[in-house]
Amino acid sequence: MFLSLQHLGIPAQLAVSLAFQGTEGRRILEGLRQGRSLPDVLGTQSQWKLLKPLLKVMDLQQSVMTIRELAKTRNWKEKPVLGRLLYPAAILAGVYGMILFFDAMVLPMMLDFLEQDGLPALMRTVRVLYGLLLMTLLASGVCLYLGLEGQHAREIFLQPAYVRSSHSLYLASCLSALLRTQASTAMVFEVLEAMEGSRVFQTQIRRMKQSIRQGTGWQAAVAAVPWVDPLLVQHMETGLETGDVCGLLEVYIRQREKNRHMQMESLCRYLTMTAYGSVGFLAVLVYQVLLAPMNMLSAV
């Protein structure tokens, strides 16, 4: 927005006051009044840390657009998706809590009524199954976190397809933006090293840079990374053959974003269906428990 306002001929300080709000806007205005350049002032803000390295190969407008695109790629609607996943997960946890409550507080007082129905054994089986389900979901979440954001992720956590595609999608977005500048390979990887990313991502970028210094081609260095998606390597090789690496990287980015969106939608849908099914099952189970004394009295 700031650049658009400046293109309209609006003075820099007025454009900053219109484009940036709150504390951020005040800090930028204060820096400009001190005689500092806009890129220097913006570079001190957390969301604009990439500006300084990107300005080595791009102008200000391209750098700002690239930062926004990379931020979309890294976040890519993950917060809304995680919010949708938390809802069914909370339902499942609530169902498990109700099962534990009935098993610990209600069933012991009604054993005389329920023993013949086999409900205590069924409740114990359900409790174990739900416990295993929640532990599996928790372990999967921890493994995904270690693979995506872990400080020192082991290779086993980098093997899931979702983790590989996440890192590869961000890498492809970075490479696509930098290769379009026609910068040298050394400069591209110098800027890549300064890019935001998880510790896993940054560590591998440094290793790629060192490998390139030793004479390895940049494509081979990328292909050797343990978390790189084989499909990304295939697109790069095809791009080298056709002379349009950036074009093939864009094709990969669009394809992966679409696939990831579909995968997360499917996961949300199945987990929500499981949660609602669990609520229905719990309702039937509780109904049977509460109905048992009446059945016994009617039988007498």
C-alpha atoms as a PDB file:
ATOM      1  CA  MET A   1       0.000   0.000   0.000  1.00  0.00           C
ATOM      2  CA  PHE A   2       2.849   2.382   0.832  1.00  0.00           C
ATOM      3  CA  LEU A   3       4.398   1.991  -2.608  1.00  0.00           C
ATOM      4  CA  SER A   4       1.035   2.526  -4.284  1.00  0.00           C
ATOM      5  CA  LEU A   5       0.588   5.766  -2.352  1.00  0.00           C
ATOM      6  CA  GLN A   6       4.050   6.960  -3.315  1.00  0.00           C
ATOM      7  CA  HIS A   7       3.319   6.233  -6.978  1.00  0.00           C
ATOM      8  CA  LEU A   8       0.399   8.651  -6.620  1.00  0.00           C
ATOM      9  CA  GLY A   9       2.848  11.383  -5.608  1.00  0.00           C
ATOM     10  CA  ILE A  10       1.996  11.395  -1.894  1.00  0.00           C
ATOM     11  CA  PRO A  11       4.966  12.444   0.313  1.00  0.00           C
ATOM     12  CA  ALA A  12       6.775   9.641   2.095  1.00  0.00           C
ATOM     13  CA  GLN A  13       5.821  10.580   5.653  1.00  0.00           C
ATOM     14  CA  LEU A  14       2.144  11.022   4.789  1.00  0.00           C
ATOM     15  CA  ALA A  15       2.194   7.711   2.867  1.00  0.00           C
ATOM     16  CA  VAL A  16       3.717   5.973   5.892  1.00  0.00           C
ATOM     17  CA  SER A  17       1.062   7.387   8.232  1.00  0.00           C
ATOM     18  CA  LEU A  18      -1.659   6.106   5.882  1.00  0.00           C
ATOM     19  CA  ALA A  19      -0.115   2.697   5.146  1.00  0.00           C
ATOM     20  CA  PHE A  20       1.197   1.750   8.586  1.00  0.00           C
ATOM     21  CA  GLN A  21      -0.847   1.935  11.748  1.00  0.00           C
ATOM     22  CA  GLY A  22      -0.084   1.963  15.447  1.00  0.00           C
ATOM     23  CA  THR A  23       3.363   1.435  16.900  1.00  0.00           C
ATOM     24  CA  GLU A  24       4.831   0.278  13.600  1.00  0.00           C
ATOM     25  CA  GLY A  25       3.837   3.494  11.839  1.00  0.00           C
ATOM     26  CA  ARG A  26       5.225   5.665  14.651  1.00  0.00           C
ATOM     27  CA  ARG A  27       8.565   3.841  14.599  1.00  0.00           C
ATOM     28  CA  ILE A  28       8.885   4.205  10.829  1.00  0.00           C
ATOM     29  CA  LEU A  29       8.035   7.923  10.957  1.00  0.00           C
ATOM     30  CA  GLU A  30      10.535   8.467  13.748  1.00  0.00           C
ATOM     31  CA  GLY A  31      13.243   6.723  11.729  1.00  0.00           C
ATOM     32  CA  LEU A  32      12.473   8.815   8.639  1.00  0.00           C
ATOM     33  CA  ARG A  33      12.625  12.030  10.664  1.00  0.00           C
ATOM     34  CA  GLN A  34      16.083  10.973  11.826  1.00  0.00           C
ATOM     35  CA  GLY A  35      17.209  10.951   8.205  1.00  0.00           C
ATOM     36  CA  ARG A  36      17.371   7.174   7.745  1.00  0.00           C
ATOM     37  CA  SER A  37      16.285   5.604   4.473  1.00  0.00           C
ATOM     38  CA  LEU A  38      12.967   3.759   4.245  1.00  0.00           C
ATOM     39  CA  PRO A  39      14.569   0.321   3.561  1.00  0.00           C
ATOM     40  CA  ASP A  40      16.847   0.823   6.577  1.00  0.00           C
ATOM     41  CA  VAL A  41      13.898   1.732   8.811  1.00  0.00           C
ATOM     42  CA  LEU A  42      11.681  -1.092   7.535  1.00  0.00           C
ATOM     43  CA  GLY A  43      14.509  -3.596   7.972  1.00  0.00           C
ATOM     44  CA  THR A  44      14.346  -3.101  11.729  1.00  0.00           C
ATOM     45  CA  GLN A  45      10.726  -4.325  11.810  1.00  0.00           C
ATOM     46  CA  SER A  46      10.244  -8.046  12.419  1.00  0.00           C
ATOM     47  CA  GLN A  47       7.992  -8.612   9.382  1.00  0.00           C
ATOM     48  CA  TRP A  48      10.427  -6.814   7.061  1.00  0.00           C
ATOM     49  CA  LYS A  49      13.701  -8.481   8.057  1.00  0.00           C
ATOM     50  CA  LEU A  50      14.024  -9.990   4.583  1.00  0.00           C
ATOM     51  CA  LEU A  51      14.081  -6.555   2.985  1.00  0.00           C
ATOM     52  CA  LYS A  52      17.805  -5.947   3.444  1.00  0.00           C
ATOM     53  CA  PRO A  53      19.023  -9.187   1.787  1.00  0.00           C
ATOM     54  CA  LEU A  54      16.421  -8.977  -0.990  1.00  0.00           C
ATOM     55  CA  LEU A  55      17.498  -5.432  -1.873  1.00  0.00           C
ATOM     56  CA  LYS A  56      20.824  -6.905  -2.967  1.00  0.00           C
ATOM     57  CA  VAL A  57      19.110  -8.432  -6.003  1.00  0.00           C
ATOM     58  CA  MET A  58      15.780  -6.523  -6.340  1.00  0.00           C
ATOM     59  CA  ASP A  59      14.397  -3.028  -6.122  1.00  0.00           C
ATOM     60  CA  LEU A  60      12.204  -1.943  -3.229  1.00  0.00           C
ATOM     61  CA  GLN A  61       8.874  -2.710  -4.892  1.00  0.00           C
ATOM     62  CA  GLN A  62       9.928  -6.200  -5.978  1.00  0.00           C
ATOM     63  CA  SER A  63      11.335  -6.886  -2.512  1.00  0.00           C
ATOM     64  CA  VAL A  64       8.089  -5.909  -0.787  1.00  0.00           C
ATOM     65  CA  MET A  65       6.031  -8.045  -3.162  1.00  0.00           C
ATOM     66  CA  THR A  66       8.395 -10.987  -2.665  1.00  0.00           C
ATOM     67  CA  ILE A  67       8.180 -10.719   1.127  1.00  0.00           C
ATOM     68  CA  ARG A  68       4.396 -10.786   0.934  1.00  0.00           C
ATOM     69  CA  GLU A  69       4.360 -13.787  -1.379  1.00  0.00           C
ATOM     70  CA  LEU A  70       6.806 -15.718   0.800  1.00  0.00           C
ATOM     71  CA  ALA A  71       4.765 -14.905   3.895  1.00  0.00           C
ATOM     72  CA  LYS A  72       1.675 -16.308   2.184  1.00  0.00           C
ATOM     73  CA  THR A  73       3.607 -19.434   1.215  1.00  0.00           C
ATOM     74  CA  ARG A  74       4.890 -20.011   4.743  1.00  0.00           C
ATOM     75  CA  ASN A  75       1.552 -19.389   6.425  1.00  0.00           C
ATOM     76  CA  TRP A  76      -0.682 -20.342   3.432  1.00  0.00           C
ATOM     77  CA  LYS A  77      -3.846 -20.407   5.552  1.00  0.00           C
ATOM     78  CA  GLU A  78      -2.275 -22.731   8.138  1.00  0.00           C
ATOM     79  CA  LYS A  79      -3.722 -20.803  11.093  1.00  0.00           C
ATOM     80  CA  PRO A  80      -7.344 -21.125   9.889  1.00  0.00           C
ATOM     81  CA  VAL A  81      -6.772 -24.806   9.137  1.00  0.00           C
ATOM     82  CA  LEU A  82      -5.253 -25.419  12.556  1.00  0.00           C
ATOM     83  CA  GLY A  83      -8.235 -23.675  14.094  1.00  0.00           C
ATOM     84  CA  ARG A  84     -10.559 -26.016  12.230  1.00  0.00           C
ATOM     85  CA  LEU A  85      -8.552 -29.024  13.404  1.00  0.00           C
ATOM     86  CA  LEU A  86      -8.662 -27.914  17.028  1.00  0.00           C
ATOM     87  CA  TYR A  87     -12.466 -27.980  17.055  1.00  0.00           C
ATOM     88  CA  PRO A  88     -12.913 -31.728  16.363  1.00  0.00           C
ATOM     89  CA  ALA A  89      -9.842 -32.498  18.465  1.00  0.00           C
ATOM     90  CA  ALA A  90     -11.451 -30.685  21.406  1.00  0.00           C
ATOM     91  CA  ILE A  91     -14.663 -32.671  20.868  1.00  0.00           C
ATOM     92  CA  LEU A  92     -12.730 -35.946  20.911  1.00  0.00           C
ATOM     93  CA  ALA A  93     -10.920 -34.887  24.082  1.00  0.00           C
ATOM     94  CA  GLY A  94     -14.263 -33.993  25.673  1.00  0.00           C
ATOM     95  CA  VAL A  95     -15.734 -37.368  24.714  1.00  0.00           C
ATOM     96  CA  TYR A  96     -12.712 -39.122  26.210  1.00  0.00           C
ATOM     97  CA  GLY A  97     -13.124 -37.074  29.399  1.00  0.00           C
ATOM     98  CA  MET A  98     -16.778 -38.119  29.658  1.00  0.00           C
ATOM     99  CA  ILE A  99     -15.810 -41.760  29.161  1.00  0.00           C
ATOM    100  CA  LEU A 100     -13.238 -41.492  31.955  1.00  0.00           C
ATOM    101  CA  PHE A 101     -15.814 -39.826  34.218  1.00  0.00           C
ATOM    102  CA  PHE A 102     -18.413 -42.544  33.664  1.00  0.00           C
ATOM    103  CA  ASP A 103     -15.831 -45.285  34.062  1.00  0.00           C
ATOM    104  CA  ALA A 104     -14.479 -43.876  37.320  1.00  0.00           C
ATOM    105  CA  MET A 105     -17.574 -42.354  38.953  1.00  0.00           C
ATOM    106  CA  VAL A 106     -20.782 -43.848  37.542  1.00  0.00           C
ATOM    107  CA  LEU A 107     -20.040 -47.468  36.663  1.00  0.00           C
ATOM    108  CA  PRO A 108     -18.687 -48.459  40.114  1.00  0.00           C
ATOM    109  CA  MET A 109     -22.025 -47.431  41.654  1.00  0.00           C
ATOM    110  CA  MET A 110     -24.037 -49.393  39.072  1.00  0.00           C
ATOM    111  CA  LEU A 111     -22.068 -52.615  38.758  1.00  0.00           C
ATOM    112  CA  ASP A 112     -24.935 -54.687  40.121  1.00  0.00           C
ATOM    113  CA  PHE A 113     -27.190 -53.456  37.324  1.00  0.00           C
ATOM    114  CA  LEU A 114     -24.646 -53.523  34.518  1.00  0.00           C
ATOM    115  CA  GLU A 115     -22.641 -56.714  35.016  1.00  0.00           C
ATOM    116  CA  GLN A 116     -25.071 -58.850  33.051  1.00  0.00           C
ATOM    117  CA  ASP A 117     -25.114 -56.397  30.112  1.00  0.00           C
ATOM    118  CA  GLY A 118     -21.344 -56.440  29.711  1.00  0.00           C
ATOM    119  CA  LEU A 119     -21.298 -52.632  29.690  1.00  0.00           C
ATOM    120  CA  PRO A 120     -18.326 -52.304  32.083  1.00  0.00           C
ATOM    121  CA  ALA A 121     -16.146 -54.375  29.752  1.00  0.00           C
ATOM    122  CA  LEU A 122     -17.380 -52.387  26.757  1.00  0.00           C
ATOM    123  CA  MET A 123     -16.651 -49.105  28.525  1.00  0.00           C
ATOM    124  CA  ARG A 124     -13.114 -50.217  29.356  1.00  0.00           C
ATOM    125  CA  THR A 125     -12.541 -51.223  25.739  1.00  0.00           C
ATOM    126  CA  VAL A 126     -13.858 -47.889  24.489  1.00  0.00           C
ATOM    127  CA  ARG A 127     -11.693 -46.041  27.000  1.00  0.00           C
ATOM    128  CA  VAL A 128      -8.564 -47.805  25.749  1.00  0.00           C
ATOM    129  CA  LEU A 129      -9.446 -47.236  22.079  1.00  0.00           C
ATOM    130  CA  TYR A 130     -10.143 -43.542  22.576  1.00  0.00           C
ATOM    131  CA  GLY A 131      -6.962 -43.166  24.600  1.00  0.00           C
ATOM    132  CA  LEU A 132      -4.963 -44.730  21.779  1.00  0.00           C
ATOM    133  CA  LEU A 133      -6.680 -42.470  19.237  1.00  0.00           C
ATOM    134  CA  LEU A 134      -5.849 -39.314  21.182  1.00  0.00           C
ATOM    135  CA  MET A 135      -2.266 -40.461  21.767  1.00  0.00           C
ATOM    136  CA  THR A 136      -1.891 -41.145  18.041  1.00  0.00           C
ATOM    137  CA  LEU A 137      -3.213 -37.687  17.169  1.00  0.00           C
ATOM    138  CA  LEU A 138      -0.919 -36.063  19.728  1.00  0.00           C
ATOM    139  CA  ALA A 139       2.126 -38.027  18.550  1.00  0.00           C
ATOM    140  CA  SER A 140       1.352 -37.129  14.924  1.00  0.00           C
ATOM    141  CA  GLY A 141       1.105 -33.460  15.834  1.00  0.00           C
ATOM    142  CA  VAL A 142       4.434 -33.566  17.692  1.00  0.00           C
ATOM    143  CA  CYS A 143       6.152 -35.335  14.786  1.00  0.00           C
ATOM    144  CA  LEU A 144       4.796 -32.783  12.303  1.00  0.00           C
ATOM    145  CA  TYR A 145       5.967 -29.920  14.498  1.00  0.00           C
ATOM    146  CA  LEU A 146       9.444 -31.416  14.863  1.00  0.00           C
ATOM    147  CA  GLY A 147       9.636 -31.928  11.115  1.00  0.00           C
ATOM    148  CA  LEU A 148       8.401 -28.427  10.250  1.00  0.00           C
ATOM    149  CA  GLU A 149       9.803 -26.251  13.023  1.00  0.00           C
ATOM    150  CA  GLY A 150      12.117 -28.466  15.052  1.00  0.00           C
ATOM    151  CA  GLN A 151      15.456 -27.060  16.094  1.00  0.00           C
ATOM    152  CA  HIS A 152      17.352 -30.258  15.333  1.00  0.00           C
ATOM    153  CA  ALA A 153      14.856 -32.517  13.563  1.00  0.00           C
ATOM    154  CA  ARG A 154      16.030 -36.044  12.950  1.00  0.00           C
ATOM    155  CA  GLU A 155      15.700 -37.409   9.451  1.00  0.00           C
ATOM    156  CA  ILE A 156      12.780 -39.648  10.450  1.00  0.00           C
ATOM    157  CA  PHE A 157      10.659 -36.546  11.170  1.00  0.00           C
ATOM    158  CA  LEU A 158      11.453 -35.159   7.709  1.00  0.00           C
ATOM    159  CA  GLN A 159      10.099 -38.158   5.821  1.00  0.00           C
ATOM    160  CA  PRO A 160       6.313 -37.552   5.942  1.00  0.00           C
ATOM    161  CA  ALA A 161       5.086 -36.270   2.580  1.00  0.00           C
ATOM    162  CA  TYR A 162       3.409 -33.258   4.194  1.00  0.00           C
ATOM    163  CA  VAL A 163       6.658 -32.155   5.847  1.00  0.00           C
ATOM    164  CA  ARG A 164       8.671 -32.612   2.644  1.00  0.00           C
ATOM    165  CA  SER A 165       6.138 -30.722   0.553  1.00  0.00           C
ATOM    166  CA  SER A 166       5.982 -27.880   3.114  1.00  0.00           C
ATOM    167  CA  HIS A 167       9.740 -27.281   3.104  1.00  0.00           C
ATOM    168  CA  SER A 168       9.972 -27.838  -0.648  1.00  0.00           C
ATOM    169  CA  LEU A 169       7.135 -25.425  -1.384  1.00  0.00           C
ATOM    170  CA  TYR A 170       8.856 -22.655   0.547  1.00  0.00           C
ATOM    171  CA  LEU A 171      12.194 -23.435  -1.079  1.00  0.00           C
ATOM    172  CA  ALA A 172      10.611 -23.406  -4.535  1.00  0.00           C
ATOM    173  CA  SER A 173       8.987 -20.033  -3.812  1.00  0.00           C
ATOM    174  CA  CYS A 174      12.327 -18.581  -2.677  1.00  0.00           C
ATOM    175  CA  LEU A 175      14.200 -19.959  -5.680  1.00  0.00           C
ATOM    176  CA  SER A 176      11.545 -18.789  -8.134  1.00  0.00           C
ATOM    177  CA  ALA A 177      11.686 -15.224  -6.801  1.00  0.00           C
ATOM    178  CA  LEU A 178      15.495 -15.085  -6.719  1.00  0.00           C
ATOM    179  CA  LEU A 179      16.229 -16.802 -10.034  1.00  0.00           C
ATOM    180  CA  ARG A 180      14.020 -14.288 -11.855  1.00  0.00           C
ATOM    181  CA  THR A 181      16.475 -11.559 -10.859  1.00  0.00           C
ATOM    182  CA  GLN A 182      19.198 -13.193 -12.990  1.00  0.00           C
ATOM    183  CA  ALA A 183      21.544 -12.980  -9.997  1.00  0.00           C
ATOM    184  CA  SER A 184      24.555 -15.275  -9.764  1.00  0.00           C
ATOM    185  CA  THR A 185      24.218 -18.637  -8.035  1.00  0.00           C
ATOM    186  CA  ALA A 186      26.480 -17.444  -5.214  1.00  0.00           C
ATOM    187  CA  MET A 187      24.300 -14.376  -4.656  1.00  0.00           C
ATOM    188  CA  VAL A 188      21.078 -16.407  -4.814  1.00  0.00           C
ATOM    189  CA  PHE A 189      22.252 -18.717  -2.042  1.00  0.00           C
ATOM    190  CA  GLU A 190      23.686 -15.843  -0.022  1.00  0.00           C
ATOM    191  CA  VAL A 191      20.216 -14.267  -0.012  1.00  0.00           C
ATOM    192  CA  LEU A 192      18.618 -17.681   0.643  1.00  0.00           C
ATOM    193  CA  GLU A 193      20.793 -18.069   3.718  1.00  0.00           C
ATOM    194  CA  ALA A 194      19.299 -14.862   5.131  1.00  0.00           C
ATOM    195  CA  MET A 195      15.716 -15.976   4.431  1.00  0.00           C
ATOM    196  CA  GLU A 196      13.278 -16.681   7.233  1.00  0.00           C
ATOM    197  CA  GLY A 197      12.587 -20.320   7.906  1.00  0.00           C
ATOM    198  CA  SER A 198      12.775 -23.092  10.440  1.00  0.00           C
ATOM    199  CA  ARG A 199      16.121 -24.215  11.823  1.00  0.00           C
ATOM    200  CA  VAL A 200      15.864 -27.291   9.600  1.00  0.00           C
ATOM    201  CA  PHE A 201      15.473 -25.102   6.504  1.00  0.00           C
ATOM    202  CA  GLN A 202      18.298 -22.734   7.397  1.00  0.00           C
ATOM    203  CA  THR A 203      20.683 -25.570   8.238  1.00  0.00           C
ATOM    204  CA  GLN A 204      20.169 -27.223   4.855  1.00  0.00           C
ATOM    205  CA  ILE A 205      20.573 -23.909   3.011  1.00  0.00           C
ATOM    206  CA  ARG A 206      23.981 -23.467   4.638  1.00  0.00           C
ATOM    207  CA  ARG A 207      24.936 -27.006   3.633  1.00  0.00           C
ATOM    208  CA  MET A 208      23.799 -26.371   0.057  1.00  0.00           C
ATOM    209  CA  LYS A 209      25.836 -23.181  -0.068  1.00  0.00           C
ATOM    210  CA  GLN A 210      28.922 -25.003   1.195  1.00  0.00           C
ATOM    211  CA  SER A 211      28.381 -27.808  -1.324  1.00  0.00           C
ATOM    212  CA  ILE A 212      28.124 -25.295  -4.173  1.00  0.00           C
ATOM    213  CA  ARG A 213      31.387 -23.660  -3.080  1.00  0.00           C
ATOM    214  CA  GLN A 214      33.019 -27.077  -3.397  1.00  0.00           C
ATOM    215  CA  GLY A 215      31.941 -27.304  -7.035  1.00  0.00           C
ATOM    216  CA  THR A 216      28.571 -29.037  -6.870  1.00  0.00           C
ATOM    217  CA  GLY A 217      25.879 -27.696  -9.209  1.00  0.00           C
ATOM    218  CA  TRP A 218      23.052 -25.917  -7.451  1.00  0.00           C
ATOM    219  CA  GLN A 219      20.469 -28.364  -8.811  1.00  0.00           C
ATOM    220  CA  ALA A 220      22.450 -31.323  -7.451  1.00  0.00           C
ATOM    221  CA  ALA A 221      22.872 -29.535  -4.118  1.00  0.00           C
ATOM    222  CA  VAL A 222      19.109 -29.026  -3.865  1.00  0.00           C
ATOM    223  CA  ALA A 223      18.378 -32.630  -4.856  1.00  0.00           C
ATOM    224  CA  ALA A 224      20.690 -33.905  -2.089  1.00  0.00           C
ATOM    225  CA  VAL A 225      18.667 -32.261   0.689  1.00  0.00           C
ATOM    226  CA  PRO A 226      16.861 -35.003   2.678  1.00  0.00           C
ATOM    227  CA  TRP A 227      13.525 -33.173   2.870  1.00  0.00           C
ATOM    228  CA  VAL A 228      13.302 -32.039  -0.746  1.00  0.00           C
ATOM    229  CA  ASP A 229      10.259 -33.311  -2.594  1.00  0.00           C
ATOM    230  CA  PRO A 230      11.280 -35.576  -5.514  1.00  0.00           C
ATOM    231  CA  LEU A 231       8.607 -33.836  -7.584  1.00  0.00           C
ATOM    232  CA  LEU A 232      10.421 -30.530  -7.091  1.00  0.00           C
ATOM    233  CA  VAL A 233      13.648 -32.090  -8.354  1.00  0.00           C
ATOM    234  CA  GLN A 234      11.782 -33.430 -11.378  1.00  0.00           C
ATOM    235  CA  HIS A 235      10.361 -29.980 -12.148  1.00  0.00           C
ATOM    236  CA  MET A 236      13.812 -28.382 -11.855  1.00  0.00           C
ATOM    237  CA  GLU A 237      15.349 -30.953 -14.189  1.00  0.00           C
ATOM    238  CA  THR A 238      12.550 -30.378 -16.692  1.00  0.00           C
ATOM    239  CA  GLY A 239      13.071 -26.629 -16.376  1.00  0.00           C
ATOM    240  CA  LEU A 240      16.766 -27.003 -17.121  1.00  0.00           C
ATOM    241  CA  GLU A 241      15.981 -29.031 -20.228  1.00  0.00           C
ATOM    242  CA  THR A 242      13.420 -26.492 -21.477  1.00  0.00           C
ATOM    243  CA  GLY A 243      15.370 -23.428 -20.365  1.00  0.00           C
ATOM    244  CA  ASP A 244      12.555 -22.187 -18.104  1.00  0.00           C
ATOM    245  CA  VAL A 245      13.344 -23.201 -14.533  1.00  0.00           C
ATOM    246  CA  CYS A 246      11.265 -20.381 -13.035  1.00  0.00           C
ATOM    247  CA  GLY A 247       8.240 -21.375 -15.093  1.00  0.00           C
ATOM    248  CA  LEU A 248       8.460 -24.987 -13.925  1.00  0.00           C
ATOM    249  CA  LEU A 249       8.933 -23.848 -10.329  1.00  0.00           C
ATOM    250  CA  GLU A 250       5.710 -21.828 -10.596  1.00  0.00           C
ATOM    251  CA  VAL A 251       3.920 -24.913 -11.931  1.00  0.00           C
ATOM    252  CA  TYR A 252       5.213 -26.912  -8.961  1.00  0.00           C
ATOM    253  CA  ILE A 253       4.130 -24.204  -6.503  1.00  0.00           C
ATOM    254  CA  ARG A 254       0.577 -24.056  -7.852  1.00  0.00           C
ATOM    255  CA  GLN A 255       0.302 -27.839  -7.930  1.00  0.00           C
ATOM    256  CA  ARG A 256       1.582 -28.293  -4.385  1.00  0.00           C
ATOM    257  CA  GLU A 257      -0.566 -25.516  -2.946  1.00  0.00           C
ATOM    258  CA  LYS A 258      -3.647 -27.109  -4.489  1.00  0.00           C
ATOM    259  CA  ASN A 259      -2.691 -30.590  -3.223  1.00  0.00           C
ATOM    260  CA  ARG A 260      -1.946 -29.350   0.306  1.00  0.00           C
ATOM    261  CA  HIS A 261      -5.247 -27.506   0.445  1.00  0.00           C
ATOM    262  CA  MET A 262      -7.122 -30.647  -0.620  1.00  0.00           C
ATOM    263  CA  GLN A 263      -5.229 -32.787   1.898  1.00  0.00           C
ATOM    264  CA  MET A 264      -5.987 -30.462   4.785  1.00  0.00           C
ATOM    265  CA  GLU A 265      -9.636 -30.182   3.761  1.00  0.00           C
ATOM    266  CA  SER A 266      -9.905 -33.977   3.729  1.00  0.00           C
ATOM    267  CA  LEU A 267      -8.210 -34.255   7.125  1.00  0.00           C
ATOM    268  CA  CYS A 268     -10.535 -31.642   8.621  1.00  0.00           C
ATOM    269  CA  ARG A 269     -13.568 -33.384   7.163  1.00  0.00           C
ATOM    270  CA  TYR A 270     -12.638 -36.882   8.381  1.00  0.00           C
ATOM    271  CA  LEU A 271     -11.637 -35.681  11.830  1.00  0.00           C
ATOM    272  CA  THR A 272     -14.874 -33.717  12.178  1.00  0.00           C
ATOM    273  CA  MET A 273     -16.929 -36.749  11.118  1.00  0.00           C
ATOM    274  CA  THR A 274     -15.060 -38.887  13.665  1.00  0.00           C
ATOM    275  CA  ALA A 275     -15.717 -36.324  16.390  1.00  0.00           C
ATOM    276  CA  TYR A 276     -19.448 -36.101  15.644  1.00  0.00           C
ATOM    277  CA  GLY A 277     -19.668 -39.901  15.432  1.00  0.00           C
ATOM    278  CA  SER A 278     -17.981 -40.128  18.823  1.00  0.00           C
ATOM    279  CA  VAL A 279     -20.551 -37.801  20.352  1.00  0.00           C
ATOM    280  CA  GLY A 280     -23.366 -39.965  18.969  1.00  0.00           C
ATOM    281  CA  PHE A 281     -21.696 -43.140  20.216  1.00  0.00           C
ATOM    282  CA  LEU A 282     -21.204 -41.617  23.662  1.00  0.00           C
ATOM    283  CA  ALA A 283     -24.860 -40.589  23.799  1.00  0.00           C
ATOM    284  CA  VAL A 284     -25.984 -44.158  22.996  1.00  0.00           C
ATOM    285  CA  LEU A 285     -23.539 -45.593  25.535  1.00  0.00           C
ATOM    286  CA  VAL A 286     -24.675 -43.252  28.312  1.00  0.00           C
ATOM    287  CA  TYR A 287     -28.298 -43.995  27.466  1.00  0.00           C
ATOM    288  CA  GLN A 288     -27.656 -47.727  27.829  1.00  0.00           C
ATOM    289  CA  VAL A 289     -25.925 -47.205  31.166  1.00  0.00           C
ATOM    290  CA  LEU A 290     -28.759 -45.115  32.553  1.00  0.00           C
ATOM    291  CA  LEU A 291     -31.364 -47.472  31.160  1.00  0.00           C
ATOM    292  CA  ALA A 292     -29.834 -50.591  32.744  1.00  0.00           C
ATOM    293  CA  PRO A 293     -31.441 -50.156  36.234  1.00  0.00           C
ATOM    294  CA  MET A 294     -34.877 -49.735  34.663  1.00  0.00           C
ATOM    295  CA  ASN A 295     -34.423 -52.846  32.551  1.00  0.00           C
ATOM    296  CA  MET A 296     -33.444 -54.824  35.632  1.00  0.00           C
ATOM    297  CA  LEU A 297     -36.473 -53.578  37.589  1.00  0.00           C
ATOM    298  CA  SER A 298     -38.846 -54.347  34.719  1.00  0.00           C
ATOM    299  CA  ALA A 299     -37.360 -57.834  34.472  1.00  0.00           C
ATOM    300  CA  VAL A 300     -38.122 -58.394  38.152  1.00  0.00           C
END
